[in-house]
């Protein structure tokens, strides 16, 4: 059923665009080029990318052109393919692909963890005087044969490198140039870790500012090191906003050590709301730690009298020493606010 859909779709697609120029051109390693079309949804937002491909393939000294259309998502990830109604893919001896061959080709093209695609094309086949039905033999069978379609080794190889080659970066760049609030929301809606990383690596400073609330919601649901990487990518100026400072108050303790460290480093050069300073004072722990000194430094920076008094009370109550770098700031503010700090020790 899926193969039938491929056949019908590609037939109309090919007739409609074969003479048109795409939204951008991608040059392939073999010297050819493909025209890539940006497909939009009913709201005018980017939906996916498509390209009609004619690729020369040689299987065991028999050469022919493969005609196929590829679809990629907004992030340059291969989605699926479509074939001409009356021009099926073939294997050696012009045997047409079976339904299971198309299914295997789909699994090959979406995979990023295949051994045979890392081998130079010239080394895929062991030279032999003995004719082989599948076009390759010997040592290559154990490492490659299970990964490819028998009798279509070079078809698989050629198409994989087109689907996952230079076109990927070209698509990413095209999507990046089109990013706006609606498209960012659409990518976030994919709920894809790849999409999330794409956004934090692609957004401009203005893009981060415009979409900060949406990005913070992604951080809450993220896994692994994404939160740390996101906070490192968010421009420093945005950390002055109430949105991100209130987010920190509500979510700081939910983050791992490395994410917390990234947050504190970004706060070093921005003005903090009184609420955030009070919160940071609460996070100072009884035992000595590097994080303690980071927190103390942040509170001492542009501290008002109320924040400073709360800090002193916390340091005295839990007998927390202050680092040599923080102590001069502590002394200066103590003098300014006429506060006794004689019981606070220096590290």
C-alpha atoms as a PDB file:
ATOM      1  CA  UNK A   1       0.000   0.000   0.000  1.00  0.00           C
ATOM      2  CA  UNK A   2       2.771   2.412   0.937  1.00  0.00           C
ATOM      3  CA  UNK A   3       4.620   1.574  -2.290  1.00  0.00           C
ATOM      4  CA  UNK A   4       1.481   2.315  -4.335  1.00  0.00           C
ATOM      5  CA  UNK A   5       1.239   5.708  -2.694  1.00  0.00           C
ATOM      6  CA  UNK A   6       4.870   6.377  -3.548  1.00  0.00           C
ATOM      7  CA  UNK A   7       4.195   5.536  -7.192  1.00  0.00           C
ATOM      8  CA  UNK A   8       1.170   7.784  -7.572  1.00  0.00           C
ATOM      9  CA  UNK A   9       2.611  10.735  -5.726  1.00  0.00           C
ATOM     10  CA  UNK A  10       5.867  10.803  -7.608  1.00  0.00           C
ATOM     11  CA  UNK A  11       4.153  10.541 -10.961  1.00  0.00           C
ATOM     12  CA  UNK A  12       2.297  13.836 -10.446  1.00  0.00           C
ATOM     13  CA  UNK A  13       5.205  15.449  -8.603  1.00  0.00           C
ATOM     14  CA  UNK A  14       7.688  14.734 -11.377  1.00  0.00           C
ATOM     15  CA  UNK A  15       5.386  16.020 -14.127  1.00  0.00           C
ATOM     16  CA  UNK A  16       4.764  19.214 -12.180  1.00  0.00           C
ATOM     17  CA  UNK A  17       8.336  20.299 -11.373  1.00  0.00           C
ATOM     18  CA  UNK A  18      10.754  18.667 -13.769  1.00  0.00           C
ATOM     19  CA  UNK A  19      11.210  21.906 -15.745  1.00  0.00           C
ATOM     20  CA  UNK A  20      11.173  24.224 -12.722  1.00  0.00           C
ATOM     21  CA  UNK A  21      14.046  25.674 -10.765  1.00  0.00           C
ATOM     22  CA  UNK A  22      14.008  24.819  -7.059  1.00  0.00           C
ATOM     23  CA  UNK A  23      14.283  27.142  -4.088  1.00  0.00           C
ATOM     24  CA  UNK A  24      17.976  26.283  -3.951  1.00  0.00           C
ATOM     25  CA  UNK A  25      20.482  24.064  -5.728  1.00  0.00           C
ATOM     26  CA  UNK A  26      22.687  21.466  -4.054  1.00  0.00           C
ATOM     27  CA  UNK A  27      25.877  20.310  -5.768  1.00  0.00           C
ATOM     28  CA  UNK A  28      26.722  16.663  -5.247  1.00  0.00           C
ATOM     29  CA  UNK A  29      30.130  15.040  -4.897  1.00  0.00           C
ATOM     30  CA  UNK A  30      29.803  13.313  -8.259  1.00  0.00           C
ATOM     31  CA  UNK A  31      29.558  16.667 -10.047  1.00  0.00           C
ATOM     32  CA  UNK A  32      25.801  16.575 -10.467  1.00  0.00           C
ATOM     33  CA  UNK A  33      23.335  18.924  -8.796  1.00  0.00           C
ATOM     34  CA  UNK A  34      19.760  18.680  -7.557  1.00  0.00           C
ATOM     35  CA  UNK A  35      17.042  21.304  -7.302  1.00  0.00           C
ATOM     36  CA  UNK A  36      15.430  21.349  -3.868  1.00  0.00           C
ATOM     37  CA  UNK A  37      11.900  22.673  -3.368  1.00  0.00           C
ATOM     38  CA  UNK A  38      10.654  24.142  -0.089  1.00  0.00           C
ATOM     39  CA  UNK A  39       7.104  22.889   0.474  1.00  0.00           C
ATOM     40  CA  UNK A  40       4.793  25.013   2.635  1.00  0.00           C
ATOM     41  CA  UNK A  41       1.689  24.116   4.629  1.00  0.00           C
ATOM     42  CA  UNK A  42      -1.748  25.730   4.310  1.00  0.00           C
ATOM     43  CA  UNK A  43      -0.628  28.568   6.603  1.00  0.00           C
ATOM     44  CA  UNK A  44       2.375  29.408   4.451  1.00  0.00           C
ATOM     45  CA  UNK A  45       4.919  27.926   6.858  1.00  0.00           C
ATOM     46  CA  UNK A  46       7.698  25.617   5.758  1.00  0.00           C
ATOM     47  CA  UNK A  47       6.566  22.017   5.979  1.00  0.00           C
ATOM     48  CA  UNK A  48       9.293  19.953   4.301  1.00  0.00           C
ATOM     49  CA  UNK A  49      11.710  19.806   1.350  1.00  0.00           C
ATOM     50  CA  UNK A  50      11.546  17.720  -1.833  1.00  0.00           C
ATOM     51  CA  UNK A  51      13.846  16.997  -4.739  1.00  0.00           C
ATOM     52  CA  UNK A  52      13.459  15.050  -7.971  1.00  0.00           C
ATOM     53  CA  UNK A  53      16.595  12.990  -8.421  1.00  0.00           C
ATOM     54  CA  UNK A  54      18.134  11.279 -11.423  1.00  0.00           C
ATOM     55  CA  UNK A  55      21.239   9.435 -10.278  1.00  0.00           C
ATOM     56  CA  UNK A  56      23.554   7.276 -12.415  1.00  0.00           C
ATOM     57  CA  UNK A  57      24.249   3.909 -10.788  1.00  0.00           C
ATOM     58  CA  UNK A  58      26.472   1.051 -11.918  1.00  0.00           C
ATOM     59  CA  UNK A  59      25.866  -2.453 -10.560  1.00  0.00           C
ATOM     60  CA  UNK A  60      28.480  -5.020 -11.643  1.00  0.00           C
ATOM     61  CA  UNK A  61      29.432  -2.988 -14.761  1.00  0.00           C
ATOM     62  CA  UNK A  62      25.784  -2.452 -15.747  1.00  0.00           C
ATOM     63  CA  UNK A  63      24.950   1.274 -15.588  1.00  0.00           C
ATOM     64  CA  UNK A  64      21.547   2.941 -15.555  1.00  0.00           C
ATOM     65  CA  UNK A  65      19.790   5.995 -14.168  1.00  0.00           C
ATOM     66  CA  UNK A  66      17.725   5.825 -11.016  1.00  0.00           C
ATOM     67  CA  UNK A  67      14.710   8.150 -10.920  1.00  0.00           C
ATOM     68  CA  UNK A  68      13.349   8.915  -7.475  1.00  0.00           C
ATOM     69  CA  UNK A  69      12.045  11.815  -5.376  1.00  0.00           C
ATOM     70  CA  UNK A  70      13.247  12.469  -1.835  1.00  0.00           C
ATOM     71  CA  UNK A  71      11.507  14.244   1.037  1.00  0.00           C
ATOM     72  CA  UNK A  72      13.270  15.806   4.039  1.00  0.00           C
ATOM     73  CA  UNK A  73      11.866  17.480   7.124  1.00  0.00           C
ATOM     74  CA  UNK A  74      12.621  21.048   8.222  1.00  0.00           C
ATOM     75  CA  UNK A  75      15.834  19.923   9.916  1.00  0.00           C
ATOM     76  CA  UNK A  76      17.310  18.156   6.907  1.00  0.00           C
ATOM     77  CA  UNK A  77      16.444  14.687   8.193  1.00  0.00           C
ATOM     78  CA  UNK A  78      15.427  12.273   5.455  1.00  0.00           C
ATOM     79  CA  UNK A  79      11.707  11.394   5.624  1.00  0.00           C
ATOM     80  CA  UNK A  80      10.779   9.144   2.704  1.00  0.00           C
ATOM     81  CA  UNK A  81      10.980   8.657  -1.049  1.00  0.00           C
ATOM     82  CA  UNK A  82       8.620   8.464  -3.999  1.00  0.00           C
ATOM     83  CA  UNK A  83       9.081   6.590  -7.283  1.00  0.00           C
ATOM     84  CA  UNK A  84       7.634   6.989 -10.756  1.00  0.00           C
ATOM     85  CA  UNK A  85       4.536   5.008 -11.515  1.00  0.00           C
ATOM     86  CA  UNK A  86       6.024   3.287 -14.544  1.00  0.00           C
ATOM     87  CA  UNK A  87       9.695   3.414 -13.581  1.00  0.00           C
ATOM     88  CA  UNK A  88      10.357   1.162 -10.560  1.00  0.00           C
ATOM     89  CA  UNK A  89      13.785   0.750  -9.042  1.00  0.00           C
ATOM     90  CA  UNK A  90      15.626  -2.312 -10.279  1.00  0.00           C
ATOM     91  CA  UNK A  91      18.392  -4.636  -9.177  1.00  0.00           C
ATOM     92  CA  UNK A  92      20.890  -6.630 -11.210  1.00  0.00           C
ATOM     93  CA  UNK A  93      19.469  -8.231 -14.358  1.00  0.00           C
ATOM     94  CA  UNK A  94      16.807  -5.500 -14.351  1.00  0.00           C
ATOM     95  CA  UNK A  95      14.817  -7.236 -11.636  1.00  0.00           C
ATOM     96  CA  UNK A  96      12.330  -4.716 -10.186  1.00  0.00           C
ATOM     97  CA  UNK A  97      12.366  -3.974  -6.479  1.00  0.00           C
ATOM     98  CA  UNK A  98       9.905  -6.002  -4.429  1.00  0.00           C
ATOM     99  CA  UNK A  99       7.763  -4.328  -1.720  1.00  0.00           C
ATOM    100  CA  UNK A 100      10.182  -5.589   0.922  1.00  0.00           C
ATOM    101  CA  UNK A 101      13.079  -4.019  -1.010  1.00  0.00           C
ATOM    102  CA  UNK A 102      11.405  -0.615  -0.887  1.00  0.00           C
ATOM    103  CA  UNK A 103      10.841  -1.057   2.832  1.00  0.00           C
ATOM    104  CA  UNK A 104      14.490  -1.920   3.358  1.00  0.00           C
ATOM    105  CA  UNK A 105      15.588   1.034   1.233  1.00  0.00           C
ATOM    106  CA  UNK A 106      13.497   3.313   3.453  1.00  0.00           C
ATOM    107  CA  UNK A 107      15.194   1.927   6.580  1.00  0.00           C
ATOM    108  CA  UNK A 108      18.620   2.387   4.949  1.00  0.00           C
ATOM    109  CA  UNK A 109      18.012   6.000   3.945  1.00  0.00           C
ATOM    110  CA  UNK A 110      16.823   7.081   7.407  1.00  0.00           C
ATOM    111  CA  UNK A 111      19.695   5.336   9.203  1.00  0.00           C
ATOM    112  CA  UNK A 112      22.809   7.209  10.305  1.00  0.00           C
ATOM    113  CA  UNK A 113      24.588   4.151  11.686  1.00  0.00           C
ATOM    114  CA  UNK A 114      25.576   1.998   8.733  1.00  0.00           C
ATOM    115  CA  UNK A 115      29.014   0.580   8.021  1.00  0.00           C
ATOM    116  CA  UNK A 116      28.822   0.346   4.245  1.00  0.00           C
ATOM    117  CA  UNK A 117      28.252   4.087   3.704  1.00  0.00           C
ATOM    118  CA  UNK A 118      31.597   4.836   5.376  1.00  0.00           C
ATOM    119  CA  UNK A 119      33.536   2.724   2.868  1.00  0.00           C
ATOM    120  CA  UNK A 120      34.854   4.341  -0.345  1.00  0.00           C
ATOM    121  CA  UNK A 121      32.782   3.188  -3.320  1.00  0.00           C
ATOM    122  CA  UNK A 122      35.880   1.678  -4.946  1.00  0.00           C
ATOM    123  CA  UNK A 123      36.322  -0.650  -1.972  1.00  0.00           C
ATOM    124  CA  UNK A 124      32.760  -1.945  -1.709  1.00  0.00           C
ATOM    125  CA  UNK A 125      33.390  -4.799  -4.142  1.00  0.00           C
ATOM    126  CA  UNK A 126      36.261  -7.274  -3.997  1.00  0.00           C
ATOM    127  CA  UNK A 127      37.792  -7.734  -7.408  1.00  0.00           C
ATOM    128  CA  UNK A 128      37.209 -11.244  -8.647  1.00  0.00           C
ATOM    129  CA  UNK A 129      37.245 -13.077 -11.978  1.00  0.00           C
ATOM    130  CA  UNK A 130      34.403 -15.197 -10.749  1.00  0.00           C
ATOM    131  CA  UNK A 131      30.975 -13.762 -11.561  1.00  0.00           C
ATOM    132  CA  UNK A 132      28.888 -13.029  -8.499  1.00  0.00           C
ATOM    133  CA  UNK A 133      25.134 -12.596  -8.610  1.00  0.00           C
ATOM    134  CA  UNK A 134      25.116  -9.866  -5.975  1.00  0.00           C
ATOM    135  CA  UNK A 135      28.141  -7.985  -7.350  1.00  0.00           C
ATOM    136  CA  UNK A 136      30.269  -8.307  -4.224  1.00  0.00           C
ATOM    137  CA  UNK A 137      31.831 -11.160  -2.317  1.00  0.00           C
ATOM    138  CA  UNK A 138      34.355 -12.417   0.191  1.00  0.00           C
ATOM    139  CA  UNK A 139      35.153 -10.300   3.218  1.00  0.00           C
ATOM    140  CA  UNK A 140      32.574  -7.666   2.322  1.00  0.00           C
ATOM    141  CA  UNK A 141      29.665 -10.061   2.730  1.00  0.00           C
ATOM    142  CA  UNK A 142      29.941 -10.326   6.499  1.00  0.00           C
ATOM    143  CA  UNK A 143      30.171  -6.578   7.089  1.00  0.00           C
ATOM    144  CA  UNK A 144      27.983  -5.205   4.312  1.00  0.00           C
ATOM    145  CA  UNK A 145      25.561  -7.727   2.872  1.00  0.00           C
ATOM    146  CA  UNK A 146      23.066  -7.582   5.737  1.00  0.00           C
ATOM    147  CA  UNK A 147      22.924  -3.800   5.519  1.00  0.00           C
ATOM    148  CA  UNK A 148      22.022  -3.494   1.837  1.00  0.00           C
ATOM    149  CA  UNK A 149      19.528  -4.833  -0.691  1.00  0.00           C
ATOM    150  CA  UNK A 150      20.978  -7.828  -2.495  1.00  0.00           C
ATOM    151  CA  UNK A 151      21.710  -6.939  -6.101  1.00  0.00           C
ATOM    152  CA  UNK A 152      21.379  -3.194  -5.411  1.00  0.00           C
ATOM    153  CA  UNK A 153      24.487  -2.395  -3.395  1.00  0.00           C
ATOM    154  CA  UNK A 154      25.447   0.726  -5.368  1.00  0.00           C
ATOM    155  CA  UNK A 155      21.863   1.925  -5.603  1.00  0.00           C
ATOM    156  CA  UNK A 156      21.695   1.881  -1.807  1.00  0.00           C
ATOM    157  CA  UNK A 157      25.127   3.499  -1.529  1.00  0.00           C
ATOM    158  CA  UNK A 158      24.451   6.264  -4.060  1.00  0.00           C
ATOM    159  CA  UNK A 159      21.003   7.157  -2.747  1.00  0.00           C
ATOM    160  CA  UNK A 160      22.112   7.185   0.902  1.00  0.00           C
ATOM    161  CA  UNK A 161      24.873   9.685   0.147  1.00  0.00           C
ATOM    162  CA  UNK A 162      22.443  11.933  -1.716  1.00  0.00           C
ATOM    163  CA  UNK A 163      19.829  11.739   1.055  1.00  0.00           C
ATOM    164  CA  UNK A 164      22.336  12.388   3.841  1.00  0.00           C
ATOM    165  CA  UNK A 165      25.004  14.453   2.126  1.00  0.00           C
ATOM    166  CA  UNK A 166      25.419  18.133   1.280  1.00  0.00           C
ATOM    167  CA  UNK A 167      21.680  18.659   1.047  1.00  0.00           C
ATOM    168  CA  UNK A 168      21.350  18.372   4.834  1.00  0.00           C
ATOM    169  CA  UNK A 169      23.332  21.530   5.602  1.00  0.00           C
ATOM    170  CA  UNK A 170      21.649  23.372   2.733  1.00  0.00           C
ATOM    171  CA  UNK A 171      18.224  22.572   4.163  1.00  0.00           C
ATOM    172  CA  UNK A 172      19.263  23.628   7.657  1.00  0.00           C
ATOM    173  CA  UNK A 173      20.544  26.945   6.309  1.00  0.00           C
ATOM    174  CA  UNK A 174      17.355  27.551   4.325  1.00  0.00           C
ATOM    175  CA  UNK A 175      15.172  26.832   7.356  1.00  0.00           C
ATOM    176  CA  UNK A 176      17.376  29.030   9.540  1.00  0.00           C
ATOM    177  CA  UNK A 177      16.886  31.981   7.176  1.00  0.00           C
ATOM    178  CA  UNK A 178      13.110  31.519   7.400  1.00  0.00           C
ATOM    179  CA  UNK A 179      12.884  31.250  11.187  1.00  0.00           C
ATOM    180  CA  UNK A 180      10.170  33.385  12.741  1.00  0.00           C
ATOM    181  CA  UNK A 181       8.016  32.952  15.825  1.00  0.00           C
ATOM    182  CA  UNK A 182       5.483  30.747  14.052  1.00  0.00           C
ATOM    183  CA  UNK A 183       8.114  28.487  12.516  1.00  0.00           C
ATOM    184  CA  UNK A 184       9.955  28.204  15.840  1.00  0.00           C
ATOM    185  CA  UNK A 185       6.685  27.110  17.459  1.00  0.00           C
ATOM    186  CA  UNK A 186       6.212  24.566  14.688  1.00  0.00           C
ATOM    187  CA  UNK A 187       9.677  23.095  15.231  1.00  0.00           C
ATOM    188  CA  UNK A 188       9.146  22.992  19.004  1.00  0.00           C
ATOM    189  CA  UNK A 189       5.881  21.184  18.305  1.00  0.00           C
ATOM    190  CA  UNK A 190       7.830  18.367  16.684  1.00  0.00           C
ATOM    191  CA  UNK A 191       9.025  17.480  20.216  1.00  0.00           C
ATOM    192  CA  UNK A 192      12.327  16.403  18.730  1.00  0.00           C
ATOM    193  CA  UNK A 193      15.631  16.648  20.552  1.00  0.00           C
ATOM    194  CA  UNK A 194      17.226  17.261  17.173  1.00  0.00           C
ATOM    195  CA  UNK A 195      14.803  20.115  16.579  1.00  0.00           C
ATOM    196  CA  UNK A 196      15.475  21.616  19.989  1.00  0.00           C
ATOM    197  CA  UNK A 197      19.231  21.595  19.429  1.00  0.00           C
ATOM    198  CA  UNK A 198      18.724  23.001  15.943  1.00  0.00           C
ATOM    199  CA  UNK A 199      16.885  25.997  17.400  1.00  0.00           C
ATOM    200  CA  UNK A 200      19.426  26.916  20.069  1.00  0.00           C
ATOM    201  CA  UNK A 201      22.198  26.616  17.477  1.00  0.00           C
ATOM    202  CA  UNK A 202      20.364  28.615  14.797  1.00  0.00           C
ATOM    203  CA  UNK A 203      18.432  31.418  16.480  1.00  0.00           C
ATOM    204  CA  UNK A 204      19.744  34.957  16.338  1.00  0.00           C
ATOM    205  CA  UNK A 205      19.875  37.145  19.444  1.00  0.00           C
ATOM    206  CA  UNK A 206      16.540  38.641  18.413  1.00  0.00           C
ATOM    207  CA  UNK A 207      15.156  35.163  17.799  1.00  0.00           C
ATOM    208  CA  UNK A 208      16.102  34.050  21.315  1.00  0.00           C
ATOM    209  CA  UNK A 209      14.497  37.162  22.784  1.00  0.00           C
ATOM    210  CA  UNK A 210      11.272  36.724  20.825  1.00  0.00           C
ATOM    211  CA  UNK A 211      10.942  33.032  21.673  1.00  0.00           C
ATOM    212  CA  UNK A 212      12.445  32.851  25.166  1.00  0.00           C
ATOM    213  CA  UNK A 213       9.240  31.742  26.905  1.00  0.00           C
ATOM    214  CA  UNK A 214       8.738  28.893  24.425  1.00  0.00           C
ATOM    215  CA  UNK A 215      12.381  27.837  24.746  1.00  0.00           C
ATOM    216  CA  UNK A 216      12.175  27.824  28.537  1.00  0.00           C
ATOM    217  CA  UNK A 217       9.185  25.496  28.314  1.00  0.00           C
ATOM    218  CA  UNK A 218      11.313  23.163  26.184  1.00  0.00           C
ATOM    219  CA  UNK A 219      14.057  23.210  28.826  1.00  0.00           C
ATOM    220  CA  UNK A 220      11.578  22.063  31.476  1.00  0.00           C
ATOM    221  CA  UNK A 221      10.737  18.961  29.425  1.00  0.00           C
ATOM    222  CA  UNK A 222      14.243  18.293  28.102  1.00  0.00           C
ATOM    223  CA  UNK A 223      16.567  15.419  28.894  1.00  0.00           C
ATOM    224  CA  UNK A 224      20.319  14.931  29.019  1.00  0.00           C
ATOM    225  CA  UNK A 225      22.556  17.953  28.585  1.00  0.00           C
ATOM    226  CA  UNK A 226      20.103  20.026  26.574  1.00  0.00           C
ATOM    227  CA  UNK A 227      19.251  22.406  29.434  1.00  0.00           C
ATOM    228  CA  UNK A 228      22.947  23.130  30.067  1.00  0.00           C
ATOM    229  CA  UNK A 229      23.606  23.695  26.378  1.00  0.00           C
ATOM    230  CA  UNK A 230      20.521  25.877  26.034  1.00  0.00           C
ATOM    231  CA  UNK A 231      21.504  28.174  28.896  1.00  0.00           C
ATOM    232  CA  UNK A 232      25.002  28.460  27.438  1.00  0.00           C
ATOM    233  CA  UNK A 233      23.529  29.471  24.059  1.00  0.00           C
ATOM    234  CA  UNK A 234      20.973  31.990  25.347  1.00  0.00           C
ATOM    235  CA  UNK A 235      22.511  35.473  24.947  1.00  0.00           C
ATOM    236  CA  UNK A 236      23.656  37.046  28.191  1.00  0.00           C
ATOM    237  CA  UNK A 237      21.460  40.121  27.766  1.00  0.00           C
ATOM    238  CA  UNK A 238      18.306  38.000  27.961  1.00  0.00           C
ATOM    239  CA  UNK A 239      19.194  36.880  31.489  1.00  0.00           C
ATOM    240  CA  UNK A 240      18.234  40.342  32.723  1.00  0.00           C
ATOM    241  CA  UNK A 241      14.558  39.739  31.851  1.00  0.00           C
ATOM    242  CA  UNK A 242      11.975  38.846  34.491  1.00  0.00           C
ATOM    243  CA  UNK A 243      10.914  35.805  32.405  1.00  0.00           C
ATOM    244  CA  UNK A 244      14.222  34.017  32.727  1.00  0.00           C
ATOM    245  CA  UNK A 245      14.967  35.137  36.304  1.00  0.00           C
ATOM    246  CA  UNK A 246      11.574  33.934  37.515  1.00  0.00           C
ATOM    247  CA  UNK A 247      12.155  30.705  35.599  1.00  0.00           C
ATOM    248  CA  UNK A 248      15.440  30.244  37.469  1.00  0.00           C
ATOM    249  CA  UNK A 249      13.688  30.710  40.818  1.00  0.00           C
ATOM    250  CA  UNK A 250      11.103  28.077  39.925  1.00  0.00           C
ATOM    251  CA  UNK A 251      13.397  25.554  38.260  1.00  0.00           C
ATOM    252  CA  UNK A 252      16.960  25.980  39.516  1.00  0.00           C
ATOM    253  CA  UNK A 253      16.862  23.048  41.940  1.00  0.00           C
ATOM    254  CA  UNK A 254      15.423  20.773  39.249  1.00  0.00           C
ATOM    255  CA  UNK A 255      18.558  21.176  37.135  1.00  0.00           C
ATOM    256  CA  UNK A 256      21.723  19.101  37.397  1.00  0.00           C
ATOM    257  CA  UNK A 257      24.990  20.506  38.717  1.00  0.00           C
ATOM    258  CA  UNK A 258      26.380  21.413  35.300  1.00  0.00           C
ATOM    259  CA  UNK A 259      23.201  23.247  34.279  1.00  0.00           C
ATOM    260  CA  UNK A 260      23.176  25.143  37.566  1.00  0.00           C
ATOM    261  CA  UNK A 261      26.784  26.146  36.972  1.00  0.00           C
ATOM    262  CA  UNK A 262      25.945  27.387  33.470  1.00  0.00           C
ATOM    263  CA  UNK A 263      23.072  29.468  34.854  1.00  0.00           C
ATOM    264  CA  UNK A 264      25.193  31.050  37.566  1.00  0.00           C
ATOM    265  CA  UNK A 265      27.926  31.935  35.091  1.00  0.00           C
ATOM    266  CA  UNK A 266      25.423  33.733  32.850  1.00  0.00           C
ATOM    267  CA  UNK A 267      24.102  35.737  35.831  1.00  0.00           C
ATOM    268  CA  UNK A 268      27.534  37.133  36.671  1.00  0.00           C
ATOM    269  CA  UNK A 269      27.266  40.135  34.342  1.00  0.00           C
ATOM    270  CA  UNK A 270      23.574  41.026  34.568  1.00  0.00           C
ATOM    271  CA  UNK A 271      21.497  42.863  37.143  1.00  0.00           C
ATOM    272  CA  UNK A 272      19.450  40.569  39.340  1.00  0.00           C
ATOM    273  CA  UNK A 273      15.913  41.139  40.574  1.00  0.00           C
ATOM    274  CA  UNK A 274      15.616  41.327  44.400  1.00  0.00           C
ATOM    275  CA  UNK A 275      13.528  38.154  44.320  1.00  0.00           C
ATOM    276  CA  UNK A 276      16.301  36.249  42.584  1.00  0.00           C
ATOM    277  CA  UNK A 277      18.940  37.549  45.001  1.00  0.00           C
ATOM    278  CA  UNK A 278      16.856  36.388  47.948  1.00  0.00           C
ATOM    279  CA  UNK A 279      16.444  33.027  46.273  1.00  0.00           C
ATOM    280  CA  UNK A 280      20.194  32.689  45.711  1.00  0.00           C
ATOM    281  CA  UNK A 281      20.845  33.442  49.377  1.00  0.00           C
ATOM    282  CA  UNK A 282      18.542  30.559  50.265  1.00  0.00           C
ATOM    283  CA  UNK A 283      20.626  28.217  48.098  1.00  0.00           C
ATOM    284  CA  UNK A 284      23.848  28.874  50.033  1.00  0.00           C
ATOM    285  CA  UNK A 285      24.556  25.636  51.872  1.00  0.00           C
ATOM    286  CA  UNK A 286      26.059  24.964  55.290  1.00  0.00           C
ATOM    287  CA  UNK A 287      29.145  23.221  53.940  1.00  0.00           C
ATOM    288  CA  UNK A 288      31.813  24.988  51.955  1.00  0.00           C
ATOM    289  CA  UNK A 289      31.601  24.564  48.196  1.00  0.00           C
ATOM    290  CA  UNK A 290      32.535  26.281  44.975  1.00  0.00           C
ATOM    291  CA  UNK A 291      28.838  26.868  44.288  1.00  0.00           C
ATOM    292  CA  UNK A 292      28.569  28.699  47.623  1.00  0.00           C
ATOM    293  CA  UNK A 293      31.177  31.193  46.487  1.00  0.00           C
ATOM    294  CA  UNK A 294      29.449  31.669  43.131  1.00  0.00           C
ATOM    295  CA  UNK A 295      26.195  32.395  44.942  1.00  0.00           C
ATOM    296  CA  UNK A 296      27.863  34.790  47.380  1.00  0.00           C
ATOM    297  CA  UNK A 297      29.526  36.679  44.518  1.00  0.00           C
ATOM    298  CA  UNK A 298      26.200  37.100  42.744  1.00  0.00           C
ATOM    299  CA  UNK A 299      24.478  38.418  45.861  1.00  0.00           C
ATOM    300  CA  UNK A 300      27.314  40.837  46.625  1.00  0.00           C
ATOM    301  CA  UNK A 301      27.128  42.239  43.096  1.00  0.00           C
ATOM    302  CA  UNK A 302      25.017  45.417  43.211  1.00  0.00           C
ATOM    303  CA  UNK A 303      23.533  44.275  46.507  1.00  0.00           C
ATOM    304  CA  UNK A 304      21.097  46.508  48.411  1.00  0.00           C
ATOM    305  CA  UNK A 305      21.063  46.714  52.196  1.00  0.00           C
ATOM    306  CA  UNK A 306      18.226  44.235  52.658  1.00  0.00           C
ATOM    307  CA  UNK A 307      19.890  41.561  50.527  1.00  0.00           C
ATOM    308  CA  UNK A 308      23.219  42.165  52.205  1.00  0.00           C
ATOM    309  CA  UNK A 309      21.794  41.777  55.717  1.00  0.00           C
ATOM    310  CA  UNK A 310      20.103  38.502  54.732  1.00  0.00           C
ATOM    311  CA  UNK A 311      23.401  37.265  53.315  1.00  0.00           C
ATOM    312  CA  UNK A 312      25.325  38.122  56.487  1.00  0.00           C
ATOM    313  CA  UNK A 313      22.743  36.368  58.660  1.00  0.00           C
ATOM    314  CA  UNK A 314      23.036  33.231  56.502  1.00  0.00           C
ATOM    315  CA  UNK A 315      26.833  33.242  56.568  1.00  0.00           C
ATOM    316  CA  UNK A 316      26.960  33.737  60.334  1.00  0.00           C
ATOM    317  CA  UNK A 317      24.253  31.178  61.114  1.00  0.00           C
ATOM    318  CA  UNK A 318      25.954  28.348  59.231  1.00  0.00           C
ATOM    319  CA  UNK A 319      29.531  29.559  59.833  1.00  0.00           C
ATOM    320  CA  UNK A 320      30.190  29.741  56.085  1.00  0.00           C
ATOM    321  CA  UNK A 321      33.618  31.200  55.197  1.00  0.00           C
ATOM    322  CA  UNK A 322      34.003  33.598  52.276  1.00  0.00           C
ATOM    323  CA  UNK A 323      36.578  33.235  49.543  1.00  0.00           C
ATOM    324  CA  UNK A 324      39.520  35.597  49.245  1.00  0.00           C
ATOM    325  CA  UNK A 325      38.083  37.063  46.051  1.00  0.00           C
ATOM    326  CA  UNK A 326      34.655  37.711  47.618  1.00  0.00           C
ATOM    327  CA  UNK A 327      35.864  39.020  50.973  1.00  0.00           C
ATOM    328  CA  UNK A 328      36.862  42.577  49.844  1.00  0.00           C
ATOM    329  CA  UNK A 329      33.348  43.061  48.414  1.00  0.00           C
ATOM    330  CA  UNK A 330      31.876  41.803  51.668  1.00  0.00           C
ATOM    331  CA  UNK A 331      33.981  44.252  53.679  1.00  0.00           C
ATOM    332  CA  UNK A 332      33.129  47.185  51.418  1.00  0.00           C
ATOM    333  CA  UNK A 333      29.387  46.612  51.726  1.00  0.00           C
ATOM    334  CA  UNK A 334      29.667  45.977  55.491  1.00  0.00           C
ATOM    335  CA  UNK A 335      31.255  49.386  55.861  1.00  0.00           C
ATOM    336  CA  UNK A 336      28.675  50.998  53.603  1.00  0.00           C
ATOM    337  CA  UNK A 337      25.751  49.506  55.508  1.00  0.00           C
ATOM    338  CA  UNK A 338      27.424  49.666  58.941  1.00  0.00           C
ATOM    339  CA  UNK A 339      27.184  45.902  59.370  1.00  0.00           C
ATOM    340  CA  UNK A 340      29.355  43.863  61.735  1.00  0.00           C
ATOM    341  CA  UNK A 341      30.963  40.905  59.921  1.00  0.00           C
ATOM    342  CA  UNK A 342      33.679  40.091  62.467  1.00  0.00           C
ATOM    343  CA  UNK A 343      32.368  36.534  62.926  1.00  0.00           C
ATOM    344  CA  UNK A 344      32.661  35.697  59.209  1.00  0.00           C
ATOM    345  CA  UNK A 345      35.907  33.980  58.305  1.00  0.00           C
ATOM    346  CA  UNK A 346      37.956  34.259  55.146  1.00  0.00           C
ATOM    347  CA  UNK A 347      38.878  31.095  53.238  1.00  0.00           C
END
